[in-house]
Amino acid sequence: MNSARIAVLLGPFLEGAGLSAAQFSQLSSYLELLLKWNAKMNLTAVRSPEEIVTRHFGESLFAAKSLQTPATRTVADVGSGAGFPGLPLAIFAPDLQVTLIESHNKKATFLKEVVRAAGIANAQVFLGRAEDCRQQFDLVTLRAVERFEASAAIAASLVTSGGRLALLIGALQVKTAAEILPELHWADPHPIPQSANRVLFVGKKP
């Protein structure tokens, strides 16, 4: 899929935030690799290229646009998998240092290949479990992980004081997240464009 078509599909999610031709080229390279690798291993159940762009790239870039602040310098994407939202976030905001945390070797290998091939210089891959990561981050993201409650608690432990935890979840999970992490100051859920029940739910650590 060419960059022009990707730009059209991503319009509702970027809400006027412009991306350069180079950034759209990076997204195009990422999509091409994802389709190629997904034929051999299950990175995403979504098979349609256009649906991958809207459901995965779009949601991730909406989060990137919403979460970018001058105080945010370091980001961790816990259970990065196919790279959402971490890789689109790194492409959107090249000044951020993004760490993609992934414990499955084959998925980590895929992430490293995207970083290399698409020239995403501000992203790195941490091969291992999130609980083994000794760094803390200004922003930690979590999306589509197994064992949500345990994963959310681990992700929250990686947030530095004054930093944020950003969850891309279903609206029905909002209550659970707030209950298991009462120490965070939660903002109102932010609905994802073109989704019936997906939200961006952000909590700030005191």
C-alpha atoms as a PDB file:
ATOM      1  CA  MET A   1       0.000   0.000   0.000  1.00  0.00           C
ATOM      2  CA  ASN A   2       1.412   3.392  -0.951  1.00  0.00           C
ATOM      3  CA  SER A   3       1.911   6.322   1.388  1.00  0.00           C
ATOM      4  CA  ALA A   4      -0.917   8.372  -0.156  1.00  0.00           C
ATOM      5  CA  ARG A   5      -3.519   5.711   0.629  1.00  0.00           C
ATOM      6  CA  ILE A   6      -2.160   5.274   4.144  1.00  0.00           C
ATOM      7  CA  ALA A   7      -2.460   9.041   4.659  1.00  0.00           C
ATOM      8  CA  VAL A   8      -6.126   8.975   3.628  1.00  0.00           C
ATOM      9  CA  LEU A   9      -6.954   6.089   5.951  1.00  0.00           C
ATOM     10  CA  LEU A  10      -5.157   7.700   8.896  1.00  0.00           C
ATOM     11  CA  GLY A  11      -6.771  11.125   8.498  1.00  0.00           C
ATOM     12  CA  PRO A  12      -9.534  10.618  11.111  1.00  0.00           C
ATOM     13  CA  PHE A  13      -6.999   9.447  13.699  1.00  0.00           C
ATOM     14  CA  LEU A  14      -4.391  12.165  13.191  1.00  0.00           C
ATOM     15  CA  GLU A  15      -7.015  14.939  13.407  1.00  0.00           C
ATOM     16  CA  GLY A  16      -4.914  17.463  11.523  1.00  0.00           C
ATOM     17  CA  ALA A  17      -1.539  16.440  12.923  1.00  0.00           C
ATOM     18  CA  GLY A  18       0.724  16.288   9.907  1.00  0.00           C
ATOM     19  CA  LEU A  19       3.226  13.563   9.131  1.00  0.00           C
ATOM     20  CA  SER A  20       6.121  14.055   6.720  1.00  0.00           C
ATOM     21  CA  ALA A  21       6.633  12.059   3.538  1.00  0.00           C
ATOM     22  CA  ALA A  22       9.479  10.268   5.322  1.00  0.00           C
ATOM     23  CA  GLN A  23       7.197   9.268   8.199  1.00  0.00           C
ATOM     24  CA  PHE A  24       4.552   7.914   5.821  1.00  0.00           C
ATOM     25  CA  SER A  25       7.316   6.001   4.056  1.00  0.00           C
ATOM     26  CA  GLN A  26       8.316   4.449   7.401  1.00  0.00           C
ATOM     27  CA  LEU A  27       4.705   3.420   8.045  1.00  0.00           C
ATOM     28  CA  SER A  28       4.508   1.900   4.556  1.00  0.00           C
ATOM     29  CA  SER A  29       7.695  -0.120   5.161  1.00  0.00           C
ATOM     30  CA  TYR A  30       6.350  -1.256   8.539  1.00  0.00           C
ATOM     31  CA  LEU A  31       3.067  -2.395   6.964  1.00  0.00           C
ATOM     32  CA  GLU A  32       4.881  -4.289   4.212  1.00  0.00           C
ATOM     33  CA  LEU A  33       6.997  -6.173   6.748  1.00  0.00           C
ATOM     34  CA  LEU A  34       4.008  -6.876   8.977  1.00  0.00           C
ATOM     35  CA  LEU A  35       2.073  -8.433   6.085  1.00  0.00           C
ATOM     36  CA  LYS A  36       5.106 -10.503   5.083  1.00  0.00           C
ATOM     37  CA  TRP A  37       5.841 -11.811   8.585  1.00  0.00           C
ATOM     38  CA  ASN A  38       2.183 -12.309   9.444  1.00  0.00           C
ATOM     39  CA  ALA A  39       1.957 -14.909   6.701  1.00  0.00           C
ATOM     40  CA  LYS A  40       4.466 -17.017   8.659  1.00  0.00           C
ATOM     41  CA  MET A  41       3.623 -16.222  12.290  1.00  0.00           C
ATOM     42  CA  ASN A  42       0.546 -14.856  14.011  1.00  0.00           C
ATOM     43  CA  LEU A  43       1.342 -11.200  14.690  1.00  0.00           C
ATOM     44  CA  THR A  44      -2.229 -10.001  14.144  1.00  0.00           C
ATOM     45  CA  ALA A  45      -5.517 -11.733  13.421  1.00  0.00           C
ATOM     46  CA  VAL A  46      -6.421  -8.849  11.121  1.00  0.00           C
ATOM     47  CA  ARG A  47      -5.431  -9.767   7.570  1.00  0.00           C
ATOM     48  CA  SER A  48      -6.758  -6.886   5.461  1.00  0.00           C
ATOM     49  CA  PRO A  49      -4.042  -4.239   4.874  1.00  0.00           C
ATOM     50  CA  GLU A  50      -6.547  -1.379   5.077  1.00  0.00           C
ATOM     51  CA  GLU A  51      -8.037  -2.754   8.292  1.00  0.00           C
ATOM     52  CA  ILE A  52      -4.544  -3.110   9.779  1.00  0.00           C
ATOM     53  CA  VAL A  53      -3.919   0.558   8.983  1.00  0.00           C
ATOM     54  CA  THR A  54      -7.155   1.773  10.574  1.00  0.00           C
ATOM     55  CA  ARG A  55      -7.394  -0.603  13.540  1.00  0.00           C
ATOM     56  CA  HIS A  56      -3.725  -0.857  14.525  1.00  0.00           C
ATOM     57  CA  PHE A  57      -1.848   2.074  12.988  1.00  0.00           C
ATOM     58  CA  GLY A  58      -4.777   4.469  13.451  1.00  0.00           C
ATOM     59  CA  GLU A  59      -5.381   3.652  17.110  1.00  0.00           C
ATOM     60  CA  SER A  60      -1.648   3.828  17.840  1.00  0.00           C
ATOM     61  CA  LEU A  61      -1.196   7.190  16.124  1.00  0.00           C
ATOM     62  CA  PHE A  62      -4.291   8.602  17.836  1.00  0.00           C
ATOM     63  CA  ALA A  63      -2.657   7.637  21.132  1.00  0.00           C
ATOM     64  CA  ALA A  64       0.676   9.124  20.034  1.00  0.00           C
ATOM     65  CA  LYS A  65      -0.957  12.442  19.159  1.00  0.00           C
ATOM     66  CA  SER A  66      -2.889  12.508  22.431  1.00  0.00           C
ATOM     67  CA  LEU A  67       0.036  11.525  24.661  1.00  0.00           C
ATOM     68  CA  GLN A  68       2.866  13.684  23.313  1.00  0.00           C
ATOM     69  CA  THR A  69       3.988  16.332  25.829  1.00  0.00           C
ATOM     70  CA  PRO A  70       7.245  18.294  26.268  1.00  0.00           C
ATOM     71  CA  ALA A  71       7.873  16.478  29.575  1.00  0.00           C
ATOM     72  CA  THR A  72       7.714  13.044  27.961  1.00  0.00           C
ATOM     73  CA  ARG A  73      11.131  11.850  26.821  1.00  0.00           C
ATOM     74  CA  THR A  74      11.192   8.087  27.436  1.00  0.00           C
ATOM     75  CA  VAL A  75       8.506   5.541  26.567  1.00  0.00           C
ATOM     76  CA  ALA A  76       8.092   1.803  27.125  1.00  0.00           C
ATOM     77  CA  ASP A  77       5.599  -0.318  25.215  1.00  0.00           C
ATOM     78  CA  VAL A  78       4.895  -3.380  27.374  1.00  0.00           C
ATOM     79  CA  GLY A  79       4.146  -6.620  25.530  1.00  0.00           C
ATOM     80  CA  SER A  80       4.809  -4.861  22.245  1.00  0.00           C
ATOM     81  CA  GLY A  81       4.001  -7.885  20.057  1.00  0.00           C
ATOM     82  CA  ALA A  82       3.570  -6.587  16.512  1.00  0.00           C
ATOM     83  CA  GLY A  83       4.698  -3.154  17.695  1.00  0.00           C
ATOM     84  CA  PHE A  84       1.465  -1.355  18.548  1.00  0.00           C
ATOM     85  CA  PRO A  85       1.388   1.336  19.774  1.00  0.00           C
ATOM     86  CA  GLY A  86       5.162   1.611  20.319  1.00  0.00           C
ATOM     87  CA  LEU A  87       6.456   1.686  16.735  1.00  0.00           C
ATOM     88  CA  PRO A  88       3.869   4.153  15.344  1.00  0.00           C
ATOM     89  CA  LEU A  89       4.509   6.317  18.420  1.00  0.00           C
ATOM     90  CA  ALA A  90       8.255   6.291  17.707  1.00  0.00           C
ATOM     91  CA  ILE A  91       7.592   7.224  14.072  1.00  0.00           C
ATOM     92  CA  PHE A  92       5.170   9.995  15.069  1.00  0.00           C
ATOM     93  CA  ALA A  93       7.516  11.530  17.674  1.00  0.00           C
ATOM     94  CA  PRO A  94      11.161  11.005  16.648  1.00  0.00           C
ATOM     95  CA  ASP A  95      12.405  12.984  19.686  1.00  0.00           C
ATOM     96  CA  LEU A  96      11.126  10.272  22.039  1.00  0.00           C
ATOM     97  CA  GLN A  97      13.238   7.296  23.078  1.00  0.00           C
ATOM     98  CA  VAL A  98      10.954   4.280  22.771  1.00  0.00           C
ATOM     99  CA  THR A  99      11.684   0.851  24.267  1.00  0.00           C
ATOM    100  CA  LEU A 100       9.656  -2.060  22.906  1.00  0.00           C
ATOM    101  CA  ILE A 101       9.410  -4.721  25.627  1.00  0.00           C
ATOM    102  CA  GLU A 102       8.720  -8.188  24.206  1.00  0.00           C
ATOM    103  CA  SER A 103       9.438 -11.580  25.790  1.00  0.00           C
ATOM    104  CA  HIS A 104       8.792 -13.765  22.714  1.00  0.00           C
ATOM    105  CA  ASN A 105      11.969 -14.160  20.690  1.00  0.00           C
ATOM    106  CA  LYS A 106      10.333 -14.347  17.243  1.00  0.00           C
ATOM    107  CA  LYS A 107       8.212 -11.249  17.875  1.00  0.00           C
ATOM    108  CA  ALA A 108      11.265  -9.394  19.192  1.00  0.00           C
ATOM    109  CA  THR A 109      13.141 -10.392  16.036  1.00  0.00           C
ATOM    110  CA  PHE A 110      10.299  -8.965  13.945  1.00  0.00           C
ATOM    111  CA  LEU A 111      10.388  -5.704  15.895  1.00  0.00           C
ATOM    112  CA  LYS A 112      14.144  -5.393  15.414  1.00  0.00           C
ATOM    113  CA  GLU A 113      13.714  -5.958  11.671  1.00  0.00           C
ATOM    114  CA  VAL A 114      11.109  -3.187  11.418  1.00  0.00           C
ATOM    115  CA  VAL A 115      13.325  -0.812  13.406  1.00  0.00           C
ATOM    116  CA  ARG A 116      16.237  -1.576  11.079  1.00  0.00           C
ATOM    117  CA  ALA A 117      14.410  -1.649   7.745  1.00  0.00           C
ATOM    118  CA  ALA A 118      12.216   1.401   8.384  1.00  0.00           C
ATOM    119  CA  GLY A 119      15.063   3.401   9.914  1.00  0.00           C
ATOM    120  CA  ILE A 120      13.339   4.083  13.242  1.00  0.00           C
ATOM    121  CA  ALA A 121      16.441   5.330  15.027  1.00  0.00           C
ATOM    122  CA  ASN A 122      14.703   6.258  18.289  1.00  0.00           C
ATOM    123  CA  ALA A 123      13.311   2.766  19.005  1.00  0.00           C
ATOM    124  CA  GLN A 124      15.033  -0.182  20.657  1.00  0.00           C
ATOM    125  CA  VAL A 125      13.864  -3.673  21.580  1.00  0.00           C
ATOM    126  CA  PHE A 126      14.146  -5.169  25.066  1.00  0.00           C
ATOM    127  CA  LEU A 127      13.942  -8.960  24.752  1.00  0.00           C
ATOM    128  CA  GLY A 128      12.567 -10.153  28.069  1.00  0.00           C
ATOM    129  CA  ARG A 129       9.709  -9.818  30.509  1.00  0.00           C
ATOM    130  CA  ALA A 130       8.613  -6.380  31.659  1.00  0.00           C
ATOM    131  CA  GLU A 131       9.280  -7.307  35.282  1.00  0.00           C
ATOM    132  CA  ASP A 132      12.937  -7.861  34.366  1.00  0.00           C
ATOM    133  CA  CYS A 133      13.327  -4.351  32.967  1.00  0.00           C
ATOM    134  CA  ARG A 134      15.188  -2.226  35.497  1.00  0.00           C
ATOM    135  CA  GLN A 135      14.468   1.148  33.891  1.00  0.00           C
ATOM    136  CA  GLN A 136      11.577   3.506  34.591  1.00  0.00           C
ATOM    137  CA  PHE A 137       9.895   5.645  31.951  1.00  0.00           C
ATOM    138  CA  ASP A 138       7.972   8.894  31.578  1.00  0.00           C
ATOM    139  CA  LEU A 139       5.248   7.054  29.667  1.00  0.00           C
ATOM    140  CA  VAL A 140       4.329   3.357  29.592  1.00  0.00           C
ATOM    141  CA  THR A 141       1.825   1.985  27.081  1.00  0.00           C
ATOM    142  CA  LEU A 142      -0.155  -1.247  27.154  1.00  0.00           C
ATOM    143  CA  ARG A 143      -2.412  -2.707  24.448  1.00  0.00           C
ATOM    144  CA  ALA A 144      -3.891  -6.125  23.673  1.00  0.00           C
ATOM    145  CA  VAL A 145      -1.990  -8.158  26.258  1.00  0.00           C
ATOM    146  CA  GLU A 146      -2.801 -11.456  27.944  1.00  0.00           C
ATOM    147  CA  ARG A 147      -3.539 -11.436  31.690  1.00  0.00           C
ATOM    148  CA  PHE A 148      -4.583  -7.780  31.616  1.00  0.00           C
ATOM    149  CA  GLU A 149      -4.741  -7.199  35.371  1.00  0.00           C
ATOM    150  CA  ALA A 150      -1.268  -8.611  36.073  1.00  0.00           C
ATOM    151  CA  SER A 151       0.205  -6.898  33.009  1.00  0.00           C
ATOM    152  CA  ALA A 152      -1.286  -3.521  33.957  1.00  0.00           C
ATOM    153  CA  ALA A 153       0.215  -3.724  37.449  1.00  0.00           C
ATOM    154  CA  ILE A 154       3.637  -4.600  36.038  1.00  0.00           C
ATOM    155  CA  ALA A 155       3.382  -1.787  33.497  1.00  0.00           C
ATOM    156  CA  ALA A 156       2.487   0.690  36.247  1.00  0.00           C
ATOM    157  CA  SER A 157       5.630  -0.309  38.170  1.00  0.00           C
ATOM    158  CA  LEU A 158       7.735   0.911  35.235  1.00  0.00           C
ATOM    159  CA  VAL A 159       6.252   4.428  35.356  1.00  0.00           C
ATOM    160  CA  THR A 160       8.480   7.029  36.960  1.00  0.00           C
ATOM    161  CA  SER A 161       7.092   9.443  39.571  1.00  0.00           C
ATOM    162  CA  GLY A 162       5.041  12.048  37.720  1.00  0.00           C
ATOM    163  CA  GLY A 163       4.857   9.821  34.635  1.00  0.00           C
ATOM    164  CA  ARG A 164       1.845   8.250  32.947  1.00  0.00           C
ATOM    165  CA  LEU A 165       0.410   4.834  32.170  1.00  0.00           C
ATOM    166  CA  ALA A 166      -1.590   4.760  28.922  1.00  0.00           C
ATOM    167  CA  LEU A 167      -3.962   1.858  28.314  1.00  0.00           C
ATOM    168  CA  LEU A 168      -5.572   1.173  24.939  1.00  0.00           C
ATOM    169  CA  ILE A 169      -8.464  -0.981  26.084  1.00  0.00           C
ATOM    170  CA  GLY A 170     -12.154  -1.731  25.744  1.00  0.00           C
ATOM    171  CA  ALA A 171     -14.502   0.577  27.623  1.00  0.00           C
ATOM    172  CA  LEU A 172     -15.587  -2.314  29.859  1.00  0.00           C
ATOM    173  CA  GLN A 173     -12.011  -2.643  31.155  1.00  0.00           C
ATOM    174  CA  VAL A 174     -11.852   0.944  32.435  1.00  0.00           C
ATOM    175  CA  LYS A 175     -13.485   0.145  35.776  1.00  0.00           C
ATOM    176  CA  THR A 176     -11.119  -2.803  36.315  1.00  0.00           C
ATOM    177  CA  ALA A 177      -8.045  -0.698  35.542  1.00  0.00           C
ATOM    178  CA  ALA A 178      -9.082   2.031  37.974  1.00  0.00           C
ATOM    179  CA  GLU A 179      -9.798  -0.536  40.703  1.00  0.00           C
ATOM    180  CA  ILE A 180      -6.504  -2.442  40.419  1.00  0.00           C
ATOM    181  CA  LEU A 181      -4.426   0.750  40.171  1.00  0.00           C
ATOM    182  CA  PRO A 182      -6.126   3.194  42.570  1.00  0.00           C
ATOM    183  CA  GLU A 183      -2.845   5.010  43.238  1.00  0.00           C
ATOM    184  CA  LEU A 184      -2.907   6.534  39.748  1.00  0.00           C
ATOM    185  CA  HIS A 185      -4.823   9.724  38.997  1.00  0.00           C
ATOM    186  CA  TRP A 186      -7.009   8.704  36.050  1.00  0.00           C
ATOM    187  CA  ALA A 187      -8.290  11.081  33.393  1.00  0.00           C
ATOM    188  CA  ASP A 188     -11.623  10.458  31.688  1.00  0.00           C
ATOM    189  CA  PRO A 189     -11.442   7.763  28.979  1.00  0.00           C
ATOM    190  CA  HIS A 190     -10.809   9.165  25.509  1.00  0.00           C
ATOM    191  CA  PRO A 191     -12.829   7.355  22.779  1.00  0.00           C
ATOM    192  CA  ILE A 192     -10.844   6.015  19.817  1.00  0.00           C
ATOM    193  CA  PRO A 193     -12.140   7.312  16.449  1.00  0.00           C
ATOM    194  CA  GLN A 194     -14.054   4.784  14.331  1.00  0.00           C
ATOM    195  CA  SER A 195     -14.427   2.389  17.265  1.00  0.00           C
ATOM    196  CA  ALA A 196     -17.605   1.474  19.120  1.00  0.00           C
ATOM    197  CA  ASN A 197     -15.948   0.693  22.450  1.00  0.00           C
ATOM    198  CA  ARG A 198     -12.165   1.243  22.348  1.00  0.00           C
ATOM    199  CA  VAL A 199     -10.716   3.990  24.557  1.00  0.00           C
ATOM    200  CA  LEU A 200      -7.442   5.569  25.587  1.00  0.00           C
ATOM    201  CA  PHE A 201      -7.331   5.543  29.406  1.00  0.00           C
ATOM    202  CA  VAL A 202      -4.471   7.445  31.033  1.00  0.00           C
ATOM    203  CA  GLY A 203      -3.376   7.481  34.653  1.00  0.00           C
ATOM    204  CA  LYS A 204      -0.712   9.705  36.177  1.00  0.00           C
ATOM    205  CA  LYS A 205       1.603   8.459  38.909  1.00  0.00           C
ATOM    206  CA  PRO A 206       1.984  10.791  41.918  1.00  0.00           C
END
